[in-house]
């Protein structure tokens, strides 16, 4: 009798129904407390790791680890632009795909080197890994700058 329930549970986790809200799983991450993992609807193999509930004032959270925030120069938004979060998959306007916004000191804060054709771009206090050809945001690191 237990076997059909086990098979149904595995099937439900493997093939989530389209149109349902993202399933959430809380896991323990080494040294970082609880981390919420959201399984994206329609994409059973793609997960989004959410920031842990704890707050560290001089650190930022990226890909399951804490990094030290940077005291960088003040960011000046172009005319008509203001602070906003960018999500993975969004398309950054060509205005920001210039040397003025490129950030090349990613090693000092523990971010991975971008692949050819990608650059880390500063937008406010955040860093965005962007495909320079298409402008698509591939990764985000929020609150990197103080």
Protein backbone atom coordinates (compact mmCIF):
# COMPACT_ATOMS: atom_id res chain seq x y z
CA UNK A 1 0.00 0.00 0.00
CA UNK A 2 2.91 2.39 0.68
CA UNK A 3 4.46 1.85 -2.73
CA UNK A 4 1.73 3.65 -4.78
CA UNK A 5 2.03 6.70 -2.52
CA UNK A 6 5.81 6.75 -2.92
CA UNK A 7 5.51 6.49 -6.70
CA UNK A 8 2.92 9.30 -6.76
CA UNK A 9 5.14 11.53 -4.61
CA UNK A 10 8.16 10.98 -6.88
CA UNK A 11 6.02 11.63 -9.97
CA UNK A 12 4.60 14.86 -8.47
CA UNK A 13 8.09 16.15 -7.66
CA UNK A 14 9.49 15.20 -11.04
CA UNK A 15 6.64 16.49 -13.21
CA UNK A 16 4.92 19.47 -11.58
CA UNK A 17 1.61 20.48 -13.09
CA UNK A 18 1.70 23.56 -15.32
CA UNK A 19 -0.06 26.63 -13.97
CA UNK A 20 0.56 25.84 -10.32
CA UNK A 21 2.57 28.14 -8.10
CA UNK A 22 6.23 27.38 -7.57
CA UNK A 23 6.89 24.70 -5.01
CA UNK A 24 9.18 25.68 -2.14
CA UNK A 25 11.71 23.56 -0.36
CA UNK A 26 13.61 24.70 2.73
CA UNK A 27 17.09 23.24 2.99
CA UNK A 28 19.96 23.70 5.42
CA UNK A 29 23.03 25.17 3.75
CA UNK A 30 26.44 24.73 5.36
CA UNK A 31 27.10 27.65 7.68
CA UNK A 32 24.38 29.84 6.20
CA UNK A 33 21.23 28.70 8.01
CA UNK A 34 18.05 27.94 6.11
CA UNK A 35 17.79 28.64 2.40
CA UNK A 36 14.52 28.63 0.45
CA UNK A 37 14.69 26.96 -2.96
CA UNK A 38 11.82 27.71 -5.36
CA UNK A 39 11.15 25.26 -8.16
CA UNK A 40 10.02 27.28 -11.17
CA UNK A 41 6.66 26.24 -12.64
CA UNK A 42 7.03 24.58 -16.01
CA UNK A 43 10.78 24.19 -15.44
CA UNK A 44 11.20 21.22 -13.05
CA UNK A 45 15.00 21.26 -13.40
CA UNK A 46 15.43 25.03 -12.91
CA UNK A 47 15.48 26.32 -9.37
CA UNK A 48 15.86 29.77 -7.87
CA UNK A 49 17.79 29.99 -4.61
CA UNK A 50 16.35 32.69 -2.41
CA UNK A 51 18.29 34.76 0.12
CA UNK A 52 18.29 33.34 3.64
CA UNK A 53 16.10 35.01 6.26
CA UNK A 54 19.04 36.32 8.28
CA UNK A 55 20.39 39.81 7.56
CA UNK A 56 24.08 40.70 7.47
CA UNK A 57 24.48 44.48 7.06
CA UNK A 58 27.90 44.55 5.37
CA UNK A 59 27.55 41.43 3.22
CA UNK A 60 25.63 40.35 0.13
CA UNK A 61 24.21 36.92 -0.76
CA UNK A 62 25.04 35.30 -4.11
CA UNK A 63 24.73 31.67 -5.22
CA UNK A 64 24.64 30.17 -1.75
CA UNK A 65 27.45 32.18 -0.16
CA UNK A 66 27.97 35.50 1.56
CA UNK A 67 30.33 38.13 0.10
CA UNK A 68 31.63 41.37 1.57
CA UNK A 69 29.92 44.50 0.24
CA UNK A 70 32.09 47.13 -1.47
CA UNK A 71 32.40 50.80 -0.65
CA UNK A 72 32.33 51.90 -4.26
CA UNK A 73 31.83 55.27 -5.89
CA UNK A 74 28.28 56.61 -5.86
CA UNK A 75 26.24 55.37 -8.82
CA UNK A 76 24.61 58.02 -10.98
CA UNK A 77 21.53 56.86 -12.82
CA UNK A 78 21.11 58.21 -16.35
CA UNK A 79 18.33 60.74 -16.85
CA UNK A 80 14.96 59.02 -16.61
CA UNK A 81 16.30 55.95 -14.78
CA UNK A 82 15.98 55.03 -11.10
CA UNK A 83 16.70 52.15 -8.72
CA UNK A 84 14.94 48.91 -9.66
CA UNK A 85 15.70 45.20 -9.37
CA UNK A 86 16.60 43.35 -12.56
CA UNK A 87 15.63 39.70 -12.85
CA UNK A 88 17.27 36.89 -14.78
CA UNK A 89 15.86 36.88 -18.31
CA UNK A 90 15.16 40.63 -18.43
CA UNK A 91 16.77 42.61 -21.25
CA UNK A 92 19.01 45.48 -20.21
CA UNK A 93 18.83 48.51 -22.56
CA UNK A 94 21.85 49.20 -24.79
CA UNK A 95 22.47 52.39 -22.79
CA UNK A 96 24.02 50.22 -20.04
CA UNK A 97 26.11 48.04 -22.36
CA UNK A 98 29.03 50.49 -22.40
CA UNK A 99 32.40 50.77 -20.65
CA UNK A 100 30.94 53.29 -18.20
CA UNK A 101 28.85 50.54 -16.54
CA UNK A 102 31.17 47.52 -16.94
CA UNK A 103 32.56 46.11 -13.68
CA UNK A 104 35.78 44.14 -14.10
CA UNK A 105 36.91 43.73 -10.47
CA UNK A 106 34.62 40.71 -9.88
CA UNK A 107 37.42 38.47 -8.51
CA UNK A 108 37.91 40.62 -5.40
CA UNK A 109 34.31 39.99 -4.30
CA UNK A 110 34.19 36.30 -5.22
CA UNK A 111 32.09 36.42 -8.40
CA UNK A 112 32.89 34.08 -11.27
CA UNK A 113 34.64 35.35 -14.37
CA UNK A 114 32.15 35.98 -17.18
CA UNK A 115 32.24 33.75 -20.24
CA UNK A 116 33.25 35.32 -23.57
CA UNK A 117 30.49 37.67 -24.72
CA UNK A 118 29.28 38.37 -21.16
CA UNK A 119 30.13 41.20 -18.76
CA UNK A 120 29.33 42.15 -15.19
CA UNK A 121 27.46 45.45 -15.30
CA UNK A 122 26.81 47.75 -12.37
CA UNK A 123 23.28 49.06 -11.96
CA UNK A 124 22.88 50.97 -8.71
CA UNK A 125 24.00 48.74 -5.83
CA UNK A 126 23.66 45.57 -7.93
CA UNK A 127 25.83 43.68 -10.41
CA UNK A 128 24.23 42.02 -13.43
CA UNK A 129 25.86 39.39 -15.61
CA UNK A 130 24.70 40.35 -19.08
CA UNK A 131 25.03 38.88 -22.56
CA UNK A 132 26.56 41.87 -24.37
CA UNK A 133 25.12 40.87 -27.76
CA UNK A 134 21.48 40.49 -26.64
CA UNK A 135 21.40 42.49 -23.39
CA UNK A 136 19.78 39.56 -21.55
CA UNK A 137 20.50 39.34 -17.82
CA UNK A 138 21.95 35.89 -17.05
CA UNK A 139 22.77 36.32 -13.34
CA UNK A 140 22.32 38.90 -10.60
CA UNK A 141 24.18 39.84 -7.42
CA UNK A 142 22.05 42.24 -5.38
CA UNK A 143 23.31 44.82 -2.83
CA UNK A 144 26.99 44.40 -3.69
CA UNK A 145 27.77 48.09 -3.14
CA UNK A 146 27.26 50.14 0.02
